[in-house]
Amino acid sequence: MTEKDEERGEDIDPKLLELLVCPLTKGPLRFDRERCELVSEKPRLAYPVRGGVPILLPSEARSLDND
C-alpha cells in the first residue's frame, strides 16, 4: 500500500476482504484497486469503497453490464 492509498483510505485489509461477501449471493468479493470497488462476479455488481469502508448496499452497487 502506498502513502497515497493510506491517505485516501482506499484500500481494504486482506483479512477483512476474506470475511466480506456479496449481500445478494453470499459469494466472494474481489477488490478492484483501480476503481476502489468490491466486485461480485455472479450478479455482475461492483460495490463502492468510500474512505476505506465497503458500502455493501445493493442500491449503491454499480452494474458491470454497462462496462
N, C-alpha and C. Protein backbone atom coordinates (compact mmCIF):
# COMPACT_ATOMS: atom_id res chain seq x y z
N MET A 1 0.85 -1.17 0.00
CA MET A 1 0.00 0.00 0.00
C MET A 1 0.90 1.23 0.00
N THR A 2 0.56 2.19 -0.85
CA THR A 2 1.35 3.41 -0.92
C THR A 2 0.83 4.42 0.08
N GLU A 3 1.63 5.46 0.30
CA GLU A 3 1.20 6.52 1.21
C GLU A 3 -0.07 7.18 0.69
N LYS A 4 -0.15 7.33 -0.62
CA LYS A 4 -1.33 7.95 -1.23
C LYS A 4 -2.58 7.13 -0.91
N ASP A 5 -2.50 5.79 -1.03
CA ASP A 5 -3.63 4.93 -0.70
C ASP A 5 -4.02 5.08 0.76
N GLU A 6 -3.03 5.15 1.63
CA GLU A 6 -3.30 5.27 3.05
C GLU A 6 -3.99 6.59 3.37
N GLU A 7 -3.56 7.67 2.70
CA GLU A 7 -4.14 8.97 2.94
C GLU A 7 -5.61 8.99 2.52
N ARG A 8 -5.92 8.39 1.39
CA ARG A 8 -7.29 8.40 0.89
C ARG A 8 -8.13 7.31 1.55
N GLY A 9 -7.49 6.34 2.18
CA GLY A 9 -8.23 5.25 2.81
C GLY A 9 -8.86 4.32 1.80
N GLU A 10 -8.28 4.22 0.63
CA GLU A 10 -8.88 3.45 -0.45
C GLU A 10 -8.20 2.10 -0.63
N ASP A 11 -8.07 1.39 0.43
CA ASP A 11 -7.54 0.04 0.37
C ASP A 11 -8.33 -0.80 1.37
N ILE A 12 -8.34 -2.09 1.13
CA ILE A 12 -9.09 -3.00 2.00
C ILE A 12 -8.11 -3.94 2.67
N ASP A 13 -8.26 -4.10 3.96
CA ASP A 13 -7.45 -5.06 4.70
C ASP A 13 -7.73 -6.46 4.15
N PRO A 14 -6.69 -7.21 3.77
CA PRO A 14 -6.89 -8.56 3.21
C PRO A 14 -7.70 -9.48 4.13
N LYS A 15 -7.54 -9.35 5.43
CA LYS A 15 -8.30 -10.17 6.38
C LYS A 15 -9.79 -9.82 6.32
N LEU A 16 -10.09 -8.53 6.20
CA LEU A 16 -11.48 -8.10 6.08
C LEU A 16 -12.08 -8.61 4.77
N LEU A 17 -11.32 -8.54 3.71
CA LEU A 17 -11.80 -9.00 2.41
C LEU A 17 -12.17 -10.48 2.44
N GLU A 18 -11.44 -11.26 3.21
CA GLU A 18 -11.75 -12.69 3.35
C GLU A 18 -13.12 -12.91 4.00
N LEU A 19 -13.54 -11.97 4.85
CA LEU A 19 -14.79 -12.11 5.59
C LEU A 19 -16.00 -11.56 4.85
N LEU A 20 -15.77 -10.60 3.96
CA LEU A 20 -16.88 -9.95 3.26
C LEU A 20 -17.44 -10.82 2.15
N VAL A 21 -18.75 -10.77 1.99
CA VAL A 21 -19.42 -11.50 0.91
C VAL A 21 -20.44 -10.57 0.26
N CYS A 22 -20.84 -10.91 -0.94
CA CYS A 22 -21.89 -10.17 -1.65
C CYS A 22 -23.19 -10.31 -0.86
N PRO A 23 -23.88 -9.22 -0.59
CA PRO A 23 -25.12 -9.32 0.18
C PRO A 23 -26.25 -10.03 -0.57
N LEU A 24 -26.16 -10.12 -1.89
CA LEU A 24 -27.20 -10.79 -2.67
C LEU A 24 -26.95 -12.27 -2.84
N THR A 25 -25.70 -12.63 -3.18
CA THR A 25 -25.41 -14.04 -3.50
C THR A 25 -24.66 -14.76 -2.38
N LYS A 26 -24.14 -14.02 -1.44
CA LYS A 26 -23.28 -14.55 -0.37
C LYS A 26 -21.98 -15.12 -0.93
N GLY A 27 -21.66 -14.75 -2.16
CA GLY A 27 -20.43 -15.20 -2.81
C GLY A 27 -19.27 -14.27 -2.50
N PRO A 28 -18.06 -14.67 -2.92
CA PRO A 28 -16.85 -13.88 -2.64
C PRO A 28 -16.83 -12.56 -3.40
N LEU A 29 -16.07 -11.62 -2.86
CA LEU A 29 -15.86 -10.33 -3.49
C LEU A 29 -14.40 -10.17 -3.84
N ARG A 30 -14.14 -9.47 -4.95
CA ARG A 30 -12.77 -9.18 -5.39
C ARG A 30 -12.59 -7.67 -5.33
N PHE A 31 -11.47 -7.22 -4.77
CA PHE A 31 -11.21 -5.79 -4.66
C PHE A 31 -10.55 -5.28 -5.93
N ASP A 32 -11.20 -4.31 -6.58
CA ASP A 32 -10.64 -3.63 -7.75
C ASP A 32 -10.02 -2.34 -7.25
N ARG A 33 -8.71 -2.35 -7.09
CA ARG A 33 -7.99 -1.21 -6.51
C ARG A 33 -8.10 0.03 -7.40
N GLU A 34 -8.07 -0.16 -8.71
CA GLU A 34 -8.11 0.96 -9.65
C GLU A 34 -9.40 1.77 -9.51
N ARG A 35 -10.53 1.08 -9.36
CA ARG A 35 -11.82 1.76 -9.24
C ARG A 35 -12.29 1.88 -7.80
N CYS A 36 -11.56 1.28 -6.88
CA CYS A 36 -11.88 1.29 -5.46
C CYS A 36 -13.30 0.73 -5.24
N GLU A 37 -13.48 -0.51 -5.73
CA GLU A 37 -14.76 -1.18 -5.64
C GLU A 37 -14.57 -2.64 -5.26
N LEU A 38 -15.59 -3.22 -4.65
CA LEU A 38 -15.64 -4.65 -4.40
C LEU A 38 -16.55 -5.26 -5.46
N VAL A 39 -16.01 -6.19 -6.22
CA VAL A 39 -16.73 -6.77 -7.36
C VAL A 39 -17.27 -8.14 -7.00
N SER A 40 -18.55 -8.32 -7.31
CA SER A 40 -19.20 -9.62 -7.18
C SER A 40 -19.47 -10.11 -8.60
N GLU A 41 -18.79 -11.19 -8.99
CA GLU A 41 -18.84 -11.65 -10.38
C GLU A 41 -20.20 -12.19 -10.80
N LYS A 42 -20.83 -13.01 -9.96
CA LYS A 42 -22.06 -13.68 -10.36
C LYS A 42 -23.19 -12.69 -10.72
N PRO A 43 -23.51 -11.73 -9.85
CA PRO A 43 -24.57 -10.78 -10.23
C PRO A 43 -24.05 -9.62 -11.08
N ARG A 44 -22.73 -9.58 -11.32
CA ARG A 44 -22.09 -8.53 -12.10
C ARG A 44 -22.36 -7.14 -11.51
N LEU A 45 -22.00 -7.04 -10.21
CA LEU A 45 -22.17 -5.79 -9.49
C LEU A 45 -20.85 -5.37 -8.86
N ALA A 46 -20.67 -4.06 -8.72
CA ALA A 46 -19.50 -3.50 -8.05
C ALA A 46 -19.97 -2.58 -6.94
N TYR A 47 -19.54 -2.88 -5.72
CA TYR A 47 -19.90 -2.09 -4.55
C TYR A 47 -18.79 -1.09 -4.26
N PRO A 48 -19.13 0.18 -4.01
CA PRO A 48 -18.09 1.18 -3.75
C PRO A 48 -17.43 1.01 -2.39
N VAL A 49 -16.19 1.48 -2.31
CA VAL A 49 -15.48 1.57 -1.04
C VAL A 49 -15.16 3.05 -0.86
N ARG A 50 -15.71 3.63 0.19
CA ARG A 50 -15.53 5.07 0.43
C ARG A 50 -14.80 5.27 1.75
N GLY A 51 -13.66 5.90 1.69
CA GLY A 51 -12.88 6.14 2.90
C GLY A 51 -12.47 4.86 3.59
N GLY A 52 -12.28 3.79 2.80
CA GLY A 52 -11.87 2.51 3.35
C GLY A 52 -13.04 1.67 3.87
N VAL A 53 -14.27 2.20 3.74
CA VAL A 53 -15.46 1.50 4.24
C VAL A 53 -16.25 0.92 3.06
N PRO A 54 -16.43 -0.40 3.02
CA PRO A 54 -17.22 -1.01 1.95
C PRO A 54 -18.70 -0.66 2.12
N ILE A 55 -19.32 -0.22 1.05
CA ILE A 55 -20.75 0.11 1.05
C ILE A 55 -21.47 -1.05 0.35
N LEU A 56 -21.89 -2.02 1.14
CA LEU A 56 -22.45 -3.25 0.59
C LEU A 56 -23.98 -3.18 0.53
N LEU A 57 -24.48 -2.14 -0.06
CA LEU A 57 -25.91 -1.97 -0.26
C LEU A 57 -26.21 -2.16 -1.74
N PRO A 58 -27.14 -3.05 -2.08
CA PRO A 58 -27.48 -3.25 -3.50
C PRO A 58 -27.88 -1.95 -4.19
N SER A 59 -28.51 -1.04 -3.47
CA SER A 59 -28.92 0.23 -4.07
C SER A 59 -27.73 1.13 -4.43
N GLU A 60 -26.58 0.88 -3.83
CA GLU A 60 -25.37 1.66 -4.10
C GLU A 60 -24.46 0.98 -5.14
N ALA A 61 -24.77 -0.25 -5.49
CA ALA A 61 -23.91 -1.02 -6.41
C ALA A 61 -24.05 -0.51 -7.83
N ARG A 62 -22.95 -0.66 -8.56
CA ARG A 62 -22.89 -0.28 -9.97
C ARG A 62 -22.94 -1.56 -10.80
N SER A 63 -23.77 -1.57 -11.83
CA SER A 63 -23.87 -2.74 -12.70
C SER A 63 -22.64 -2.83 -13.59
N LEU A 64 -22.07 -4.02 -13.71
CA LEU A 64 -20.92 -4.22 -14.58
C LEU A 64 -21.35 -4.51 -16.01
N ASP A 65 -22.64 -4.68 -16.25
CA ASP A 65 -23.13 -4.96 -17.59
C ASP A 65 -22.96 -3.75 -18.51
N ASN A 66 -22.79 -2.58 -17.94
CA ASN A 66 -22.60 -1.36 -18.74
C ASN A 66 -21.15 -1.16 -19.17
N ASP A 67 -20.24 -1.97 -18.66
CA ASP A 67 -18.81 -1.83 -18.99
C ASP A 67 -18.50 -2.47 -20.31
